[in-house]
Protein backbone atom coordinates (compact mmCIF):
# COMPACT_ATOMS: atom_id res chain seq x y z
CA MET A 1 95.75 -89.91 -35.68
CA GLU A 2 94.28 -86.98 -33.63
CA PRO A 3 93.43 -83.71 -35.78
CA GLU A 4 95.70 -81.76 -33.81
CA THR A 5 98.64 -84.07 -34.58
CA ILE A 6 97.72 -83.87 -38.21
CA PHE A 7 97.48 -79.94 -38.40
CA ARG A 8 101.01 -79.94 -36.81
CA HIS A 9 102.57 -82.44 -39.40
CA ALA A 10 100.86 -80.54 -41.82
CA VAL A 11 102.41 -77.24 -40.80
CA ALA A 12 105.89 -78.56 -40.69
CA GLN A 13 105.58 -79.87 -44.49
CA HIS A 14 104.31 -76.35 -45.33
CA ARG A 15 107.28 -74.91 -43.69
CA LEU A 16 109.40 -77.31 -45.75
CA GLY A 17 107.66 -76.45 -49.15
CA ARG A 18 106.05 -80.01 -49.41
CA LEU A 19 102.63 -78.31 -50.34
CA ASP A 20 101.02 -81.40 -51.73
CA GLU A 21 101.36 -83.33 -48.36
CA ALA A 22 100.36 -79.68 -46.40
CA VAL A 23 97.29 -79.47 -48.46
CA ALA A 24 96.28 -82.92 -47.72
CA GLY A 25 96.88 -82.62 -44.22
CA TYR A 26 94.80 -79.39 -43.72
CA ARG A 27 92.12 -81.36 -45.58
CA ALA A 28 92.04 -84.02 -43.27
CA VAL A 29 92.08 -81.60 -40.44
CA LEU A 30 89.05 -79.88 -42.05
CA ALA A 31 87.03 -82.87 -42.57
CA ALA A 32 87.27 -83.18 -38.70
CA GLN A 33 86.54 -79.49 -38.00
CA PRO A 34 85.57 -77.69 -40.84
CA ASP A 35 85.25 -74.37 -39.12
CA LEU A 36 88.80 -74.56 -38.02
CA VAL A 37 89.96 -71.05 -39.29
CA ILE A 38 93.44 -71.52 -39.01
CA ALA A 39 93.52 -74.75 -41.18
CA ARG A 40 91.36 -72.88 -43.78
CA ASP A 41 93.71 -70.07 -43.91
CA ASN A 42 96.82 -72.36 -44.24
CA LEU A 43 95.20 -74.35 -46.82
CA CYS A 44 94.31 -71.25 -48.72
CA GLN A 45 97.63 -69.99 -48.63
CA ALA A 46 99.35 -73.63 -49.21
CA LEU A 47 97.21 -73.82 -52.44
CA LEU A 48 98.06 -70.29 -53.47
CA ALA A 49 101.97 -71.23 -53.41
CA ALA A 50 101.51 -74.41 -54.98
CA GLY A 51 99.99 -72.30 -57.84
CA ASP A 52 96.38 -73.42 -57.61
CA TYR A 53 94.97 -70.04 -57.93
CA ARG A 54 91.30 -70.91 -58.60
CA GLU A 55 90.61 -73.01 -55.29
CA GLY A 56 93.25 -70.89 -53.46
CA PHE A 57 91.46 -67.57 -54.34
CA SER A 58 87.99 -69.28 -53.77
CA LEU A 59 88.97 -69.73 -50.04
CA TYR A 60 90.71 -66.20 -49.76
CA ASP A 61 87.87 -64.61 -47.69
CA VAL A 62 89.11 -66.66 -44.74
CA ARG A 63 91.41 -63.58 -44.00
CA PHE A 64 88.04 -61.81 -42.88
CA GLU A 65 88.05 -64.30 -40.00
CA ARG A 66 91.38 -65.18 -38.78
CA GLU A 67 92.74 -63.32 -35.70
CA GLY A 68 95.63 -61.07 -35.42
CA LYS A 69 96.16 -60.30 -38.97
CA ARG A 70 92.38 -60.15 -39.79
CA VAL A 71 91.13 -57.87 -42.87
CA GLU A 72 88.53 -55.66 -42.18
CA ARG A 73 85.55 -54.98 -44.66
CA PRO A 74 83.81 -51.87 -44.81
CA THR A 75 80.03 -51.34 -44.28
CA LEU A 76 78.43 -49.81 -47.24
CA SER A 77 75.06 -48.76 -48.60
CA PHE A 78 75.34 -50.83 -51.52
CA PRO A 79 75.99 -54.49 -52.31
CA GLU A 80 78.71 -56.56 -52.59
CA TRP A 81 80.01 -58.01 -55.62
CA ARG A 82 79.70 -61.82 -55.78
CA GLY A 83 80.96 -62.61 -59.13
CA GLU A 84 77.78 -61.89 -61.10
CA PRO A 85 78.13 -60.36 -64.67
CA LEU A 86 79.30 -56.47 -64.55
CA ASP A 87 78.75 -55.47 -68.34
CA GLY A 88 78.65 -51.82 -67.72
CA ARG A 89 77.78 -51.57 -63.97
CA SER A 90 79.64 -49.77 -61.71
CA LEU A 91 82.11 -51.32 -59.23
CA LEU A 92 84.18 -49.74 -56.18
CA VAL A 93 87.35 -51.51 -55.34
CA TRP A 94 88.06 -51.30 -51.70
CA PRO A 95 91.80 -51.19 -50.61
CA GLU A 96 93.67 -53.72 -48.39
CA GLN A 97 96.51 -54.83 -46.72
CA GLY A 98 99.95 -53.18 -47.60
CA TYR A 99 101.33 -51.04 -50.51
CA GLY A 100 102.82 -54.02 -52.36
CA ASP A 101 99.71 -56.01 -52.01
CA GLN A 102 97.62 -53.25 -53.75
CA ILE A 103 99.98 -52.85 -56.49
CA MET A 104 99.71 -56.71 -57.09
CA LEU A 105 96.00 -56.72 -56.81
CA ALA A 106 95.33 -53.51 -59.45
CA ARG A 107 95.66 -56.08 -62.23
CA PHE A 108 92.28 -57.48 -61.16
CA ALA A 109 90.84 -54.23 -61.24
CA VAL A 110 91.94 -53.70 -64.55
CA GLN A 111 90.40 -57.27 -65.60
CA ALA A 112 87.18 -56.18 -64.21
CA ALA A 113 87.33 -52.89 -66.61
CA LEU A 114 88.53 -54.46 -69.59
CA ARG A 115 87.17 -58.10 -69.54
CA GLN A 116 83.91 -57.46 -67.24
CA GLY A 117 82.85 -54.39 -68.98
CA ALA A 118 82.87 -52.59 -65.23
CA ARG A 119 82.87 -49.21 -64.49
CA VAL A 120 85.73 -49.32 -61.77
CA THR A 121 86.48 -46.89 -59.11
CA LEU A 122 89.57 -47.72 -57.27
CA LEU A 123 90.18 -46.42 -53.86
CA ALA A 124 93.79 -46.07 -52.80
CA PRO A 125 95.83 -44.57 -50.18
CA PRO A 126 97.71 -41.32 -51.09
CA ALA A 127 100.81 -42.54 -51.57
CA LEU A 128 99.12 -44.79 -54.54
CA VAL A 129 96.68 -42.69 -56.15
CA GLU A 130 98.92 -40.79 -58.58
CA LEU A 131 100.92 -43.98 -59.47
CA PHE A 132 97.44 -45.58 -60.64
CA ARG A 133 96.01 -42.37 -62.09
CA ARG A 134 99.34 -42.05 -64.32
CA ASN A 135 100.37 -45.64 -65.26
CA LEU A 136 97.05 -48.01 -65.06
CA PRO A 137 96.05 -48.94 -68.51
CA ILE A 138 94.15 -45.90 -70.36
CA ALA A 139 91.86 -48.26 -72.32
CA ALA A 140 90.70 -49.65 -68.48
CA ALA A 141 89.26 -45.82 -67.86
CA ILE A 142 89.41 -46.52 -63.86
CA GLU A 143 88.89 -43.76 -61.73
CA VAL A 144 90.79 -43.40 -58.87
CA ILE A 145 90.21 -41.95 -55.74
CA ALA A 146 92.36 -40.89 -52.44
CA ALA A 147 91.48 -42.79 -49.48
CA ALA A 148 92.21 -40.27 -46.88
CA GLY A 149 90.14 -37.78 -44.64
CA ASP A 150 86.39 -37.44 -45.08
CA VAL A 151 85.99 -39.35 -48.32
CA GLN A 152 82.82 -38.89 -50.11
CA ILE A 153 82.09 -41.99 -51.82
CA PRO A 154 79.32 -42.08 -54.72
CA ARG A 155 76.88 -44.86 -54.81
CA HIS A 156 78.08 -47.88 -57.09
CA ASP A 157 76.24 -50.67 -58.31
CA ALA A 158 78.48 -52.89 -56.14
CA TRP A 159 81.77 -53.17 -54.25
CA ALA A 160 84.52 -55.73 -53.61
CA MET A 161 87.63 -55.84 -51.66
CA ALA A 162 90.81 -55.76 -53.63
CA GLY A 163 92.01 -59.42 -52.70
CA SER A 164 88.62 -60.63 -53.21
CA LEU A 165 88.59 -59.48 -56.88
CA PRO A 166 90.54 -62.67 -58.15
CA GLY A 167 88.32 -65.21 -56.63
CA ARG A 168 85.30 -63.34 -57.75
CA LEU A 169 86.58 -63.21 -61.46
CA GLY A 170 87.48 -66.96 -61.26
CA VAL A 171 90.97 -66.34 -61.91
CA ALA A 172 93.05 -69.53 -62.89
CA GLU A 173 96.53 -67.72 -63.53
CA PRO A 174 96.99 -64.18 -62.47
CA GLY A 175 99.05 -63.29 -65.57
CA ASP A 176 102.40 -62.03 -65.41
CA GLN A 177 102.26 -59.22 -67.95
CA PRO A 178 103.18 -55.69 -67.10
CA TYR A 179 99.96 -53.41 -66.40
CA LEU A 180 101.77 -50.45 -64.93
CA ALA A 181 103.36 -48.13 -67.75
CA GLY A 182 107.20 -48.63 -68.14
CA MET A 183 109.67 -47.36 -70.73
CA PRO A 184 108.69 -47.40 -74.25
CA PRO A 185 111.01 -49.85 -76.03
CA ALA A 186 112.68 -47.11 -77.97
CA GLN A 187 113.93 -45.43 -74.76
CA ALA A 188 114.62 -48.53 -72.81
CA ALA A 189 118.13 -49.06 -74.45
CA SER A 190 119.27 -45.54 -72.82
CA ALA A 191 118.52 -47.11 -69.17
CA SER A 192 121.28 -47.48 -67.05
CA GLY A 193 121.69 -48.19 -63.50
CA ILE A 194 120.65 -50.97 -60.54
CA GLY A 195 118.23 -49.59 -57.98
CA VAL A 196 118.29 -51.37 -54.68
CA VAL A 197 116.03 -52.14 -51.80
CA TRP A 198 116.91 -54.22 -48.66
CA LYS A 199 114.23 -53.33 -46.12
CA GLY A 200 110.51 -52.73 -46.15
CA ASP A 201 107.96 -51.48 -43.58
CA PRO A 202 108.97 -52.34 -40.00
CA ARG A 203 105.26 -52.55 -39.27
CA TYR A 204 104.64 -55.75 -41.47
CA HIS A 205 104.41 -58.77 -39.04
CA ALA A 206 107.30 -60.78 -40.88
CA ASP A 207 109.66 -57.94 -41.82
CA ALA A 208 112.30 -59.38 -39.74
CA GLU A 209 112.52 -62.20 -42.07
CA ARG A 210 112.25 -60.58 -45.15
CA SER A 211 114.28 -57.15 -44.49
CA MET A 212 117.96 -57.04 -44.16
CA PRO A 213 119.92 -55.21 -41.24
CA ASP A 214 121.22 -52.13 -42.92
CA ASP A 215 125.28 -52.77 -42.64
CA VAL A 216 124.18 -55.97 -44.88
CA GLY A 217 121.65 -54.55 -47.04
CA ARG A 218 124.35 -51.64 -47.98
CA ARG A 219 126.56 -54.28 -49.41
CA LEU A 220 124.06 -54.32 -52.39
CA LEU A 221 125.65 -50.94 -53.17
CA ASP A 222 128.54 -52.62 -54.40
CA LEU A 223 126.56 -53.99 -57.59
CA PRO A 224 127.46 -51.88 -60.54
CA GLY A 225 125.72 -48.88 -61.16
CA ALA A 226 123.75 -49.14 -57.86
CA VAL A 227 121.46 -46.50 -56.36
CA CYS A 228 119.61 -46.68 -53.32
CA LEU A 229 115.78 -46.91 -53.92
CA HIS A 230 114.61 -45.94 -49.99
CA PRO A 231 112.62 -43.07 -50.13
CA GLU A 232 114.85 -41.39 -47.39
CA ALA A 233 117.73 -41.62 -50.11
CA THR A 234 115.58 -40.36 -52.94
CA GLY A 235 113.59 -38.23 -51.30
CA VAL A 236 110.26 -39.18 -53.20
CA ALA A 237 106.62 -38.19 -51.86
CA ASP A 238 104.93 -41.08 -53.48
CA PHE A 239 105.27 -44.20 -55.33
CA ALA A 240 104.53 -42.32 -58.73
CA GLN A 241 107.77 -40.61 -58.02
CA THR A 242 109.64 -44.06 -57.28
CA ALA A 243 108.03 -45.07 -60.63
CA ASP A 244 109.78 -42.32 -62.47
CA ILE A 245 113.24 -43.22 -61.11
CA ILE A 246 112.84 -47.01 -61.99
CA ARG A 247 111.68 -46.11 -65.27
CA ASP A 248 115.13 -44.66 -66.31
CA LEU A 249 117.05 -47.67 -64.52
CA ARG A 250 118.12 -51.06 -66.38
CA ALA A 251 117.40 -53.26 -63.42
CA VAL A 252 116.07 -53.48 -59.82
CA VAL A 253 117.24 -55.58 -56.87
CA THR A 254 115.29 -55.69 -53.61
CA THR A 255 114.06 -57.90 -50.93
CA ASP A 256 110.28 -58.79 -50.84
CA THR A 257 108.96 -55.06 -50.68
CA SER A 258 106.47 -53.00 -52.30
CA VAL A 259 109.37 -52.01 -54.98
CA ALA A 260 109.29 -55.61 -55.70
CA HIS A 261 105.67 -55.53 -57.06
CA LEU A 262 105.97 -51.79 -58.50
CA ALA A 263 108.93 -52.73 -60.55
CA GLY A 264 107.57 -56.17 -61.60
CA ALA A 265 104.12 -54.38 -62.79
CA MET A 266 106.08 -51.93 -64.78
CA GLY A 267 108.12 -54.85 -66.61
CA LYS A 268 111.43 -53.68 -65.23
CA PRO A 269 114.12 -56.70 -64.91
CA THR A 270 113.87 -57.37 -61.21
CA THR A 271 115.64 -59.59 -58.70
CA ILE A 272 114.00 -60.42 -55.76
CA LEU A 273 115.86 -61.85 -52.62
CA LEU A 274 113.63 -63.92 -50.64
CA ALA A 275 113.55 -65.25 -47.35
CA PRO A 276 113.42 -69.36 -46.56
CA LEU A 277 109.87 -69.23 -45.88
CA PRO A 278 108.52 -66.64 -48.51
CA ASP A 279 105.29 -65.44 -48.93
CA TRP A 280 102.72 -67.47 -50.69
CA ARG A 281 102.51 -65.58 -53.92
CA TRP A 282 106.39 -66.29 -54.72
CA GLY A 283 106.07 -70.24 -53.75
CA PHE A 284 108.83 -72.35 -52.89
CA GLU A 285 110.82 -73.26 -55.71
CA GLY A 286 112.04 -71.90 -58.81
CA SER A 287 113.44 -68.75 -59.93
CA ALA A 288 110.40 -67.41 -62.35
CA SER A 289 107.52 -65.70 -60.91
CA ALA A 290 103.65 -66.26 -61.77
CA TRP A 291 103.07 -62.57 -61.23
CA TYR A 292 105.87 -60.79 -63.27
CA ALA A 293 107.48 -62.03 -66.57
CA SER A 294 110.35 -59.97 -65.53
CA VAL A 295 111.22 -60.86 -62.17
CA ARG A 296 113.78 -63.58 -61.03
CA LEU A 297 113.96 -64.99 -57.69
CA ILE A 298 116.82 -65.90 -55.55
CA ARG A 299 116.01 -67.75 -52.41
CA ARG A 300 117.91 -67.68 -49.31
CA ARG A 301 118.36 -71.09 -48.10
CA ALA A 302 117.43 -72.31 -44.20
CA GLY A 303 120.20 -71.01 -42.35
CA GLU A 304 122.09 -69.30 -44.95
CA PRO A 305 122.89 -65.85 -43.87
CA TRP A 306 122.12 -62.78 -45.98
CA THR A 307 125.72 -62.09 -46.86
CA ASP A 308 125.88 -65.45 -48.75
CA VAL A 309 122.80 -64.49 -50.67
CA ILE A 310 124.46 -60.87 -51.58
CA GLU A 311 127.55 -63.08 -52.47
CA ARG A 312 125.85 -65.16 -54.80
CA LEU A 313 124.06 -62.03 -56.28
CA LEU A 314 127.55 -60.02 -56.84
CA ALA A 315 128.86 -63.11 -58.58
CA HIS A 316 126.03 -62.96 -61.09
CA PRO A 317 124.66 -59.41 -61.11
CA PRO A 318 121.99 -58.34 -63.45
CA PRO A 319 123.16 -55.85 -66.38
CA ALA A 320 123.15 -52.57 -65.15
CA GLY A 321 124.44 -50.61 -68.21
CA ARG A 322 123.41 -50.41 -71.91
CA PRO A 323 123.06 -53.31 -73.79
């Protein structure tokens, strides 16, 4: 069978969530065409979706080569970290991708500080700076610098892209425990209400699949105690202020947006409503997340309208009031 035919079949299996077959197909294509970037990219994402994080993240640098969605690397005067011991060395972590990705990947900056003994500087967009400064573990002692304007970056021993950290750290499991400050257990009993989000940044390439139209999404406000968390409704200036609101809520319901990562990283009970072809980090089956212990996943079936997903959620909503 020709590599092109094998590749098309592998893509079809990937879309159906038959990840073992997809992985086997991509490997066969790469055996014949080892430099085919799209096959390496798809193999990487299929492995990650299947939970093979060690091999998946070892291939994740393919994002620097792909067309259209390429991640750009900076040019700095000090070397890129390749996974060598960091004991006491300074490491600059360079931001990449969207806000949700950066929140999700911040756990690995914490791991580099706490497990590798690195002195970590985290470069972050202004919207995330106060969130990280105020809510990352104090023990990690991570310095956060705003990536805005004419940034003066002091020399470090090494630098790494945020998305390259898990591969350099040899991560086999991402870890699902909270790493952003949540509400102390003594205060959690007084939390009430459900924060809802039904759309993300329209600039995201797959936003049409993950977000709901406003007239559909507003039905989430029928949940008991529901409050809208969209910035235009809350008036927040950054993610630290959104975190302050979430901290006082009982639960969060959202589509696959940055708020899903924020609430999950805080350990807040969170329901994520997923499109039929979800991003690799959520896998293709099950209601649990390997990334956030407090998250449950509700998956929209192929051909199922969002309204049916909302009806399923309304029939079994998360608790909104005090226990």
